[in-house]
Amino acid sequence: VCRSNKSPWVCLTCSSVHCGRYVNGHAKKHYEDAQIPMTNHKKTEKQEKVQHTVCMDCSSYSTYCYRCDDFVVNDTKLGLVQKVREHLQNLENSAFTSDRHRKRKLLENSSLNSKLLKVNGSTTALCATGLRNLGNTCFMNAILQSLSNIQQFCCYFKELPAVELRNGKTAGRRTYHTRSQGDNNVSLVEEFRKTLCALWQGSQTAFSPESLFYVVWKIMPNFRGYQQQDAHEFMRYLLDHLHLELQGGFNGVSRSVILQENSNLSASNKCCINGASTVVTAIFGGILQNEVNCLICGTESRKFDPFLDLSLDIPSQFRNKRSKNQESGPMCTLRDCLRSFTDLEELDETELYMCHKCKKKQKSTKKFWIQKLPKVLCLHLKRFHWTAYLRNKVDTYVEFPLRGLDMKCYLLEPENSGPESCLYDLVAVVVHHGSGVGSGHYTAYAAHEGRWFHFNDSTVTLTDEETVGKAKAYILFYVERQARPGADKL
């Protein structure tokens, strides 16, 4: 009906194909239309069988019943559902094989990729797994792929024991959550763990994060619907909810215990945000010192604020520059954005500071220092700005280093840091393509075992550092460089 090729669902009664519940919902409408002739008649057993209630997702091969409003795992006595599933899998495998032969011919004619073939032994990332788009879910896919390549963070979740949310006869058999379970029986941590485990195992070209997205819908109402969402906003909600759920634990066992037993995440590296420390705060948590000075009496106020990421303005003098060569003059760099964030600034009339000594709101200055740097430094470039009626995008290219980002000059006490403890290397970049926050498309670049990959939903391609460096970054993930053994003894 809508000509969409995203999330196709096939009706197991009549074999017609419609888009699924994460696109325009035409599969559901097909089921509802089949109910109309039956409203004025008493349903007989024979009529019940022709209700078009059961359909299958052609991407994940999961079976769904609209009447039960739930995923189902049981089959007919003849195993007809499994036969359909195997048929669809064979179709996909044959299509994938022919597509792979076509791509191989194209790659043989490309000089760039032939060089990659000689260096890496392969032109395709066979071990890399893409994430299927469930209908404008590229914002989620880009963040998930970025987090999956932050090794210490990803490994923690992959090593967690599986949590069985069902009891009795269905335990270990059904993998999909149901709407009837209620909010208390869905686990963001568990679905996040399963998604990370599915990536980089090399057994499939693309994974459908449907179960994770369903939990996101359930516990994060802001992300319900099919419209494009802000990737940074999603990342913050995701990390916050993972942090809260890890503190709570499951089945009476707190997962924060595992964090405490992990020798790689010692107590000195923890940063508590909203309660006890978890792997989220241990990896992404840093501390800012906020200094405010009253310009009338000189009273200084200091406050320490924990953070999981830093949101940086692109300085106004660079905002009209869209590319490297568009205008003469200095290019905007990540250092310019960091300097703008930490420089002393005078608060405007709308942000007057309540001075406790003057007993009233006064003009004041504000300055940020970084009191503690995180293991993974997440930098968000504020590309979207509200005007009177619209939310515009700042499309300026910001130059950023792939290695050796030095954060020492922004520290409150740089003399207490080690020689390499302030150096960071890039591990992932999220890019927004398009003009507005409610439109466009998100992709991600990430480094894995020394090679850079471009993640564009289901498609994963090998790329190079030069291409990554040219990206108009929206979110940057930097990993703290590890000090060489014995360096602290010198």
Protein backbone atom coordinates (compact mmCIF):
# COMPACT_ATOMS: atom_id res chain seq x y z
CA VAL A 1 0.00 0.00 0.00
CA CYS A 2 2.69 2.50 1.04
CA ARG A 3 5.46 0.93 -1.12
CA SER A 4 7.70 0.69 1.94
CA ASN A 5 10.42 -1.96 1.97
CA LYS A 6 10.96 -1.63 5.73
CA SER A 7 9.77 -4.35 8.12
CA PRO A 8 7.57 -6.39 5.73
CA TRP A 9 4.98 -8.62 7.44
CA VAL A 10 3.34 -11.46 5.50
CA CYS A 11 -0.19 -12.65 6.36
CA LEU A 12 -0.08 -16.43 6.95
CA THR A 13 -3.70 -16.76 5.81
CA CYS A 14 -3.57 -15.13 2.36
CA SER A 15 0.19 -14.45 1.83
CA SER A 16 -0.33 -10.71 1.24
CA VAL A 17 2.56 -8.53 2.42
CA HIS A 18 2.14 -5.26 4.33
CA CYS A 19 4.37 -3.01 6.43
CA GLY A 20 4.63 -3.89 10.11
CA ARG A 21 3.77 -2.08 13.31
CA TYR A 22 6.94 0.05 13.31
CA VAL A 23 6.25 1.62 9.90
CA ASN A 24 2.69 2.58 8.87
CA GLY A 25 0.84 -0.37 10.41
CA HIS A 26 -0.82 -1.62 7.20
CA ALA A 27 -0.46 -5.24 8.36
CA LYS A 28 -2.66 -4.41 11.34
CA LYS A 29 -5.14 -2.61 9.07
CA HIS A 30 -5.30 -5.76 6.91
CA TYR A 31 -6.30 -7.74 10.02
CA GLU A 32 -8.88 -5.10 11.06
CA ASP A 33 -10.44 -5.01 7.58
CA ALA A 34 -10.92 -8.78 7.75
CA GLN A 35 -13.02 -8.35 10.92
CA ILE A 36 -15.61 -6.00 9.39
CA PRO A 37 -17.79 -8.60 7.59
CA MET A 38 -17.99 -10.62 10.80
CA THR A 39 -19.29 -7.91 13.14
CA ASN A 40 -22.99 -8.64 12.56
CA HIS A 41 -22.70 -12.41 12.57
CA LYS A 42 -22.04 -14.98 15.20
CA LYS A 43 -18.54 -16.30 14.59
CA THR A 44 -18.41 -19.98 13.91
CA GLU A 45 -15.36 -22.17 14.29
CA LYS A 46 -14.96 -22.29 10.51
CA GLN A 47 -15.15 -18.51 10.18
CA GLU A 48 -12.61 -18.04 12.97
CA LYS A 49 -9.96 -19.69 10.81
CA VAL A 50 -10.28 -17.07 8.06
CA GLN A 51 -9.64 -14.01 10.20
CA HIS A 52 -6.14 -13.12 8.96
CA THR A 53 -4.95 -12.79 12.54
CA VAL A 54 -1.49 -14.38 12.26
CA CYS A 55 1.40 -12.85 10.32
CA MET A 56 5.18 -13.25 10.14
CA ASP A 57 7.92 -10.63 10.13
CA CYS A 58 9.93 -11.37 6.96
CA SER A 59 13.08 -9.94 8.58
CA SER A 60 13.19 -11.63 11.98
CA TYR A 61 10.81 -14.56 11.10
CA SER A 62 8.90 -13.96 14.35
CA THR A 63 5.19 -14.83 14.28
CA TYR A 64 2.58 -12.42 15.62
CA CYS A 65 -1.13 -12.83 16.38
CA TYR A 66 -3.19 -9.63 16.28
CA ARG A 67 -6.10 -11.25 18.08
CA CYS A 68 -3.89 -12.21 21.04
CA ASP A 69 -1.89 -9.01 20.58
CA ASP A 70 1.25 -11.04 21.22
CA PHE A 71 4.10 -12.92 19.58
CA VAL A 72 3.46 -16.66 19.38
CA VAL A 73 5.81 -19.66 19.27
CA ASN A 74 3.41 -22.57 18.89
CA ASP A 75 2.84 -24.11 15.45
CA THR A 76 0.20 -26.16 13.63
CA LYS A 77 0.29 -29.95 13.90
CA LEU A 78 1.85 -30.10 10.43
CA GLY A 79 4.46 -27.46 11.28
CA LEU A 80 3.20 -25.09 8.57
CA VAL A 81 4.55 -21.95 10.25
CA GLN A 82 8.06 -23.41 10.38
CA LYS A 83 7.79 -24.33 6.68
CA VAL A 84 6.98 -20.71 5.82
CA ARG A 85 9.88 -19.56 7.99
CA GLU A 86 12.32 -21.94 6.26
CA HIS A 87 11.03 -20.87 2.84
CA LEU A 88 11.61 -17.19 3.64
CA GLN A 89 15.08 -17.96 4.99
CA ASN A 90 15.97 -19.81 1.79
CA LEU A 91 14.75 -16.86 -0.27
CA GLU A 92 16.86 -14.45 1.76
CA ASN A 93 19.94 -16.69 1.61
CA SER A 94 19.70 -17.06 -2.18
CA ALA A 95 19.19 -13.30 -2.56
CA PHE A 96 22.15 -12.64 -0.29
CA THR A 97 24.36 -15.04 -2.25
CA SER A 98 23.54 -13.42 -5.60
CA ASP A 99 24.00 -9.96 -4.08
CA ARG A 100 27.38 -11.01 -2.70
CA HIS A 101 28.50 -12.20 -6.16
CA ARG A 102 27.36 -8.89 -7.66
CA LYS A 103 29.25 -6.89 -5.03
CA ARG A 104 32.36 -9.02 -5.53
CA LYS A 105 32.42 -8.13 -9.24
CA LEU A 106 32.07 -4.44 -8.42
CA LEU A 107 34.85 -4.65 -5.84
CA GLU A 108 37.21 -6.33 -8.31
CA ASN A 109 36.88 -3.27 -10.55
CA SER A 110 37.63 -0.81 -7.75
CA SER A 111 41.27 0.09 -7.19
CA LEU A 112 40.60 1.38 -3.65
CA ASN A 113 38.91 -1.79 -2.53
CA SER A 114 41.55 -3.96 -4.21
CA LYS A 115 44.07 -2.24 -1.95
CA LEU A 116 41.92 -3.07 1.02
CA LEU A 117 41.80 -6.63 -0.21
CA LYS A 118 45.60 -6.87 -0.15
CA VAL A 119 45.94 -5.24 3.26
CA ASN A 120 43.14 -6.90 5.19
CA GLY A 121 42.62 -10.06 3.18
CA SER A 122 38.95 -9.19 2.71
CA THR A 123 36.98 -6.29 1.32
CA THR A 124 33.87 -6.98 3.36
CA ALA A 125 33.34 -6.99 7.11
CA LEU A 126 32.13 -10.56 7.43
CA CYS A 127 32.21 -10.43 11.24
CA ALA A 128 30.25 -7.16 11.43
CA THR A 129 26.48 -7.29 11.85
CA GLY A 130 24.12 -4.49 10.84
CA LEU A 131 20.89 -3.51 12.59
CA ARG A 132 17.65 -3.57 10.64
CA ASN A 133 15.67 -0.35 10.49
CA LEU A 134 12.23 -0.93 12.06
CA GLY A 135 10.85 2.34 10.67
CA ASN A 136 12.90 5.51 11.35
CA THR A 137 14.98 3.70 13.99
CA CYS A 138 18.34 4.76 12.54
CA PHE A 139 18.79 7.04 15.58
CA MET A 140 18.76 3.94 17.81
CA ASN A 141 20.89 1.83 15.48
CA ALA A 142 23.67 4.45 15.29
CA ILE A 143 23.89 4.68 19.10
CA LEU A 144 23.78 0.89 19.59
CA GLN A 145 26.57 0.34 17.07
CA SER A 146 28.69 3.04 18.71
CA LEU A 147 28.22 1.58 22.21
CA SER A 148 28.91 -1.94 20.93
CA ASN A 149 32.42 -0.83 19.94
CA ILE A 150 33.30 0.61 23.34
CA GLN A 151 35.00 -2.59 24.44
CA GLN A 152 34.95 -2.29 28.24
CA PHE A 153 31.31 -1.19 28.28
CA CYS A 154 30.17 -3.81 25.78
CA CYS A 155 32.07 -6.69 27.41
CA TYR A 156 30.45 -6.00 30.78
CA PHE A 157 26.95 -6.54 29.37
CA LYS A 158 27.90 -9.53 27.23
CA GLU A 159 29.34 -11.27 30.31
CA LEU A 160 26.18 -10.74 32.38
CA PRO A 161 24.18 -13.92 33.06
CA ALA A 162 20.97 -14.17 31.07
CA VAL A 163 17.83 -13.19 32.95
CA GLU A 164 14.83 -15.46 32.48
CA LEU A 165 11.71 -13.34 32.71
CA ARG A 166 9.31 -16.26 32.49
CA ASN A 167 8.62 -19.12 34.85
CA GLY A 168 7.16 -22.61 34.53
CA LYS A 169 6.68 -24.45 31.26
CA THR A 170 7.37 -21.45 29.04
CA ALA A 171 10.75 -20.66 30.67
CA GLY A 172 13.61 -20.67 28.20
CA ARG A 173 11.28 -21.28 25.26
CA ARG A 174 9.67 -17.94 24.45
CA THR A 175 12.02 -15.11 23.65
CA TYR A 176 9.58 -12.29 23.00
CA HIS A 177 8.04 -10.03 25.63
CA THR A 178 4.28 -9.61 25.65
CA ARG A 179 2.11 -6.60 26.31
CA SER A 180 0.25 -8.55 29.00
CA GLN A 181 3.33 -8.90 31.21
CA GLY A 182 3.31 -5.33 32.45
CA ASP A 183 6.21 -2.90 32.92
CA ASN A 184 7.74 -4.85 35.81
CA ASN A 185 8.48 -7.86 33.63
CA VAL A 186 10.47 -6.21 30.84
CA SER A 187 14.20 -5.74 31.11
CA LEU A 188 16.09 -3.10 29.15
CA VAL A 189 19.40 -4.53 30.42
CA GLU A 190 18.52 -8.02 29.20
CA GLU A 191 17.42 -6.92 25.71
CA PHE A 192 20.44 -4.61 25.48
CA ARG A 193 22.66 -7.58 26.41
CA LYS A 194 21.05 -9.79 23.76
CA THR A 195 21.52 -7.11 21.09
CA LEU A 196 25.20 -6.63 21.93
CA CYS A 197 25.72 -10.41 21.86
CA ALA A 198 24.17 -10.56 18.37
CA LEU A 199 26.63 -7.98 17.03
CA TRP A 200 30.16 -8.96 15.96
CA GLN A 201 29.48 -12.69 16.16
CA GLY A 202 29.54 -13.00 12.36
CA SER A 203 26.61 -15.41 12.08
CA GLN A 204 24.31 -13.00 10.23
CA THR A 205 24.53 -9.88 8.10
CA ALA A 206 21.82 -7.98 9.95
CA PHE A 207 20.03 -8.35 13.28
CA SER A 208 16.53 -7.08 14.02
CA PRO A 209 16.48 -5.24 17.41
CA GLU A 210 12.71 -5.64 17.63
CA SER A 211 12.56 -6.95 21.20
CA LEU A 212 14.81 -4.13 22.42
CA PHE A 213 12.73 -1.51 20.59
CA TYR A 214 9.57 -2.90 22.13
CA VAL A 215 11.06 -2.45 25.62
CA VAL A 216 12.16 1.07 24.64
CA TRP A 217 8.56 1.84 23.67
CA LYS A 218 7.36 0.42 26.95
CA ILE A 219 9.66 2.27 29.35
CA MET A 220 10.51 5.40 27.34
CA PRO A 221 7.23 6.97 26.17
CA ASN A 222 9.12 9.79 24.40
CA PHE A 223 10.25 7.33 21.73
CA ARG A 224 6.88 5.78 20.89
CA GLY A 225 5.72 6.34 17.33
CA TYR A 226 7.38 6.17 13.95
CA GLN A 227 8.87 9.63 13.57
CA GLN A 228 12.60 10.39 13.53
CA GLN A 229 14.10 10.98 16.99
CA ASP A 230 17.21 12.72 18.29
CA ALA A 231 20.10 10.25 18.67
CA HIS A 232 21.69 12.18 21.54
CA GLU A 233 18.41 12.35 23.46
CA PHE A 234 17.95 8.60 22.95
CA MET A 235 21.49 7.88 24.16
CA ARG A 236 20.90 9.85 27.38
CA TYR A 237 17.58 8.10 28.06
CA LEU A 238 19.15 4.72 27.30
CA LEU A 239 22.15 5.22 29.60
CA ASP A 240 19.99 6.67 32.38
CA HIS A 241 17.55 3.74 32.28
CA LEU A 242 20.35 1.17 32.09
CA HIS A 243 21.94 2.85 35.11
CA LEU A 244 18.70 2.80 37.11
CA GLU A 245 17.87 -0.80 36.19
CA LEU A 246 21.38 -2.02 37.04
CA GLN A 247 21.02 -0.51 40.51
CA GLY A 248 17.72 -2.31 41.04
CA GLY A 249 18.85 -5.76 39.91
CA PHE A 250 16.62 -8.73 39.05
CA ASN A 251 15.19 -11.64 41.01
CA GLY A 252 16.55 -10.08 44.20
CA VAL A 253 20.17 -10.06 42.98
CA SER A 254 21.68 -6.66 42.29
CA ARG A 255 23.81 -6.53 39.17
CA SER A 256 25.90 -3.78 40.74
CA VAL A 257 27.55 -6.61 42.71
CA ILE A 258 29.13 -7.77 39.45
CA LEU A 259 30.48 -4.26 38.94
CA GLN A 260 32.04 -4.27 42.41
CA GLU A 261 33.73 -7.59 41.71
CA ASN A 262 35.16 -6.41 38.38
CA SER A 263 38.80 -5.55 39.01
CA ASN A 264 38.96 -3.38 35.88
CA LEU A 265 36.41 -0.94 37.35
CA SER A 266 37.92 -0.07 40.69
CA ALA A 267 36.29 2.17 43.27
CA SER A 268 38.56 5.07 42.35
CA ASN A 269 37.04 5.14 38.87
CA LYS A 270 33.42 5.29 39.98
CA CYS A 271 31.23 8.34 39.63
CA CYS A 272 27.85 8.15 41.37
CA ILE A 273 24.87 9.68 39.59
CA ASN A 274 21.42 9.20 41.09
CA GLY A 275 22.45 6.55 43.59
CA ALA A 276 25.03 3.78 43.57
CA SER A 277 27.70 3.45 40.90
CA THR A 278 27.12 1.13 37.93
CA VAL A 279 29.07 0.30 34.80
CA VAL A 280 27.38 3.29 33.12
CA THR A 281 28.82 5.82 35.58
CA ALA A 282 32.12 3.91 35.92
CA ILE A 283 32.72 4.18 32.16
CA PHE A 284 31.00 7.45 31.13
CA GLY A 285 30.87 9.29 34.46
CA GLY A 286 32.91 12.44 35.00
CA ILE A 287 32.62 15.44 37.33
CA LEU A 288 32.43 19.14 36.44
CA GLN A 289 33.18 22.03 38.79
CA ASN A 290 30.87 24.95 38.15
CA GLU A 291 32.25 28.29 39.42
CA VAL A 292 29.93 31.31 39.64
CA ASN A 293 31.25 34.73 40.75
CA CYS A 294 29.03 37.64 41.73
CA LEU A 295 30.20 40.76 39.86
CA ILE A 296 28.87 43.08 42.60
CA CYS A 297 30.39 41.66 45.79
CA GLY A 298 32.83 39.09 44.39
CA THR A 299 31.32 36.13 46.24
CA GLU A 300 32.33 32.83 44.64
CA SER A 301 30.07 29.80 44.54
CA ARG A 302 31.36 26.34 43.61
CA LYS A 303 29.27 23.31 42.74
CA PHE A 304 30.26 19.85 41.56
CA ASP A 305 28.07 18.29 38.85
CA PRO A 306 28.39 14.68 37.63
CA PHE A 307 28.07 14.17 33.86
CA LEU A 308 27.80 11.31 31.36
CA ASP A 309 28.53 13.49 28.32
CA LEU A 310 29.41 17.11 27.53
CA SER A 311 27.21 19.14 25.17
CA LEU A 312 29.35 21.67 23.29
CA ASP A 313 28.19 24.74 21.36
CA ILE A 314 29.69 25.38 17.95
CA PRO A 315 31.01 28.99 18.36
CA SER A 316 28.82 31.53 16.54
CA GLN A 317 31.67 32.80 14.32
CA PHE A 318 31.86 29.37 12.66
CA ARG A 319 28.17 28.61 12.24
CA ASN A 320 27.82 29.77 8.62
CA LYS A 321 30.69 27.61 7.40
CA ARG A 322 29.36 24.37 5.96
CA SER A 323 32.47 22.71 4.58
CA LYS A 324 36.26 22.79 4.75
CA ASN A 325 36.66 24.99 1.66
CA GLN A 326 33.52 27.13 1.67
CA GLU A 327 35.04 30.23 3.26
CA SER A 328 38.50 31.52 3.96
CA GLY A 329 39.67 31.97 7.51
CA PRO A 330 40.21 29.55 10.40
CA MET A 331 38.38 26.23 10.47
CA CYS A 332 36.27 25.28 13.47
CA THR A 333 37.96 22.60 15.54
CA LEU A 334 36.86 20.47 18.46
CA ARG A 335 39.28 22.47 20.62
CA ASP A 336 37.34 25.65 19.71
CA CYS A 337 34.14 24.00 20.95
CA LEU A 338 35.80 22.78 24.17
CA ARG A 339 37.33 26.21 24.80
CA SER A 340 33.93 27.85 24.29
CA PHE A 341 32.45 25.42 26.84
CA THR A 342 35.10 26.02 29.53
CA ASP A 343 35.89 29.73 28.99
CA LEU A 344 34.75 32.35 31.47
CA GLU A 345 31.43 33.88 30.40
CA GLU A 346 29.14 36.57 31.77
CA LEU A 347 25.59 35.35 32.38
CA ASP A 348 22.92 37.37 30.58
CA GLU A 349 19.90 39.08 32.12
CA THR A 350 17.77 35.92 31.94
CA GLU A 351 20.31 33.94 33.99
CA LEU A 352 20.97 36.26 36.92
CA TYR A 353 22.65 34.51 39.86
CA MET A 354 21.03 34.56 43.30
CA CYS A 355 23.88 35.86 45.46
CA HIS A 356 23.55 34.69 49.08
CA LYS A 357 25.66 37.59 50.32
CA CYS A 358 23.79 40.32 48.39
CA LYS A 359 20.47 38.54 49.12
CA LYS A 360 19.25 39.15 45.56
CA LYS A 361 19.88 38.21 41.93
CA GLN A 362 23.01 39.81 40.54
CA LYS A 363 25.10 39.86 37.40
CA SER A 364 27.74 37.17 37.53
CA THR A 365 30.29 35.15 35.59
CA LYS A 366 30.41 31.40 35.11
CA LYS A 367 33.25 29.00 34.34
CA PHE A 368 33.45 25.22 34.03
CA TRP A 369 36.40 23.07 35.04
CA ILE A 370 36.61 19.30 34.66
CA GLN A 371 37.27 17.90 38.12
CA LYS A 372 37.35 14.25 36.98
CA LEU A 373 37.64 12.87 33.46
CA PRO A 374 35.70 9.70 32.50
CA LYS A 375 37.10 6.54 30.95
CA VAL A 376 35.02 7.22 27.85
CA LEU A 377 34.57 10.89 26.99
CA CYS A 378 31.33 11.46 25.09
CA LEU A 379 31.16 14.86 23.33
CA HIS A 380 27.87 16.05 21.84
CA LEU A 381 28.04 18.93 19.33
CA LYS A 382 24.90 21.08 19.62
CA ARG A 383 23.91 21.15 15.96
CA PHE A 384 20.20 21.83 16.54
CA HIS A 385 19.05 25.26 17.71
CA TRP A 386 15.57 26.64 18.25
CA THR A 387 14.58 29.83 16.44
CA ALA A 388 11.22 31.60 16.83
CA TYR A 389 9.36 28.90 14.89
CA LEU A 390 11.81 26.22 13.79
CA ARG A 391 14.62 24.03 15.04
CA ASN A 392 17.51 24.69 12.66
CA LYS A 393 20.63 22.65 12.10
CA VAL A 394 24.18 24.03 12.30
CA ASP A 395 25.86 22.21 9.42
CA THR A 396 29.40 23.46 10.12
CA TYR A 397 32.25 21.01 9.67
CA VAL A 398 34.15 20.61 12.96
CA GLU A 399 37.66 19.19 12.71
CA PHE A 400 38.36 16.55 15.35
CA PRO A 401 41.42 14.40 16.12
CA LEU A 402 41.29 10.64 15.66
CA ARG A 403 44.13 10.18 18.16
CA GLY A 404 45.63 12.04 21.07
CA LEU A 405 42.84 14.43 22.14
CA ASP A 406 44.54 16.16 25.09
CA MET A 407 42.11 17.20 27.84
CA LYS A 408 44.75 18.27 30.38
CA CYS A 409 44.26 22.02 29.90
CA TYR A 410 40.58 21.72 30.90
CA LEU A 411 41.29 19.94 34.18
CA LEU A 412 40.86 21.64 37.53
CA GLU A 413 44.06 20.07 38.91
CA PRO A 414 46.16 18.97 35.89
CA GLU A 415 49.26 18.51 38.04
CA ASN A 416 47.64 15.46 39.70
CA SER A 417 47.12 13.60 36.42
CA GLY A 418 49.51 11.10 34.86
CA PRO A 419 51.43 11.64 31.61
CA GLU A 420 48.90 9.82 29.42
CA SER A 421 45.77 9.87 31.59
CA CYS A 422 44.41 12.94 29.76
CA LEU A 423 44.92 11.60 26.22
CA TYR A 424 41.94 10.16 24.37
CA ASP A 425 41.58 8.22 21.11
CA LEU A 426 38.44 8.23 18.97
CA VAL A 427 36.41 5.01 18.93
CA ALA A 428 33.05 6.04 17.39
CA VAL A 429 31.27 8.93 15.64
CA VAL A 430 27.52 9.42 15.12
CA VAL A 431 26.62 11.53 12.07
CA HIS A 432 23.28 13.17 11.23
CA HIS A 433 22.62 13.51 7.50
CA GLY A 434 19.93 16.03 6.53
CA SER A 435 18.65 19.44 7.56
CA GLY A 436 16.35 18.94 10.54
CA VAL A 437 16.11 16.99 13.78
CA GLY A 438 12.74 15.51 12.81
CA SER A 439 14.03 14.29 9.47
CA GLY A 440 17.26 13.11 7.91
CA HIS A 441 19.20 9.96 8.69
CA TYR A 442 21.73 8.77 11.28
CA THR A 443 24.77 6.58 10.61
CA ALA A 444 27.82 5.75 12.70
CA TYR A 445 31.54 5.19 12.19
CA ALA A 446 33.31 2.97 14.70
CA ALA A 447 36.71 1.36 15.15
CA HIS A 448 36.91 -2.36 15.77
CA GLU A 449 40.20 -4.23 16.17
CA GLY A 450 42.14 -1.51 14.38
CA ARG A 451 39.75 -1.13 11.42
CA TRP A 452 37.08 1.51 10.82
CA PHE A 453 33.56 0.52 9.78
CA HIS A 454 30.59 2.56 8.59
CA PHE A 455 27.28 1.39 10.07
CA ASN A 456 24.25 2.39 8.01
CA ASP A 457 21.39 0.34 9.48
CA SER A 458 21.65 -3.15 7.89
CA THR A 459 24.64 -2.19 5.73
CA VAL A 460 28.14 -2.36 7.21
CA THR A 461 31.12 -1.35 5.07
CA LEU A 462 34.84 -1.13 5.68
CA THR A 463 36.14 2.44 5.51
CA ASP A 464 39.33 4.42 6.22
CA GLU A 465 40.47 7.09 8.67
CA GLU A 466 40.41 9.83 6.03
CA THR A 467 36.68 9.26 5.41
CA VAL A 468 35.97 9.25 9.15
CA GLY A 469 37.90 12.52 9.61
CA LYS A 470 35.73 14.25 6.97
CA ALA A 471 32.45 13.36 8.72
CA LYS A 472 30.30 16.15 10.15
CA ALA A 473 30.21 14.68 13.64
CA TYR A 474 27.18 14.96 15.91
CA ILE A 475 28.36 12.73 18.79
CA LEU A 476 32.00 11.74 19.39
CA PHE A 477 33.13 8.89 21.65
CA TYR A 478 36.73 9.05 22.88
CA VAL A 479 38.36 6.28 24.93
CA GLU A 480 41.01 7.08 27.53
CA ARG A 481 44.45 5.99 26.35
CA GLN A 482 45.92 3.33 28.59
CA ALA A 483 49.25 4.22 30.21
CA ARG A 484 52.13 1.95 29.25
CA PRO A 485 53.15 -0.63 31.89
CA GLY A 486 55.78 0.75 34.24
CA ALA A 487 55.21 4.37 33.14
CA ASP A 488 54.11 5.37 36.64
CA LYS A 489 57.38 4.09 38.08
CA LEU A 490 59.50 6.56 36.14
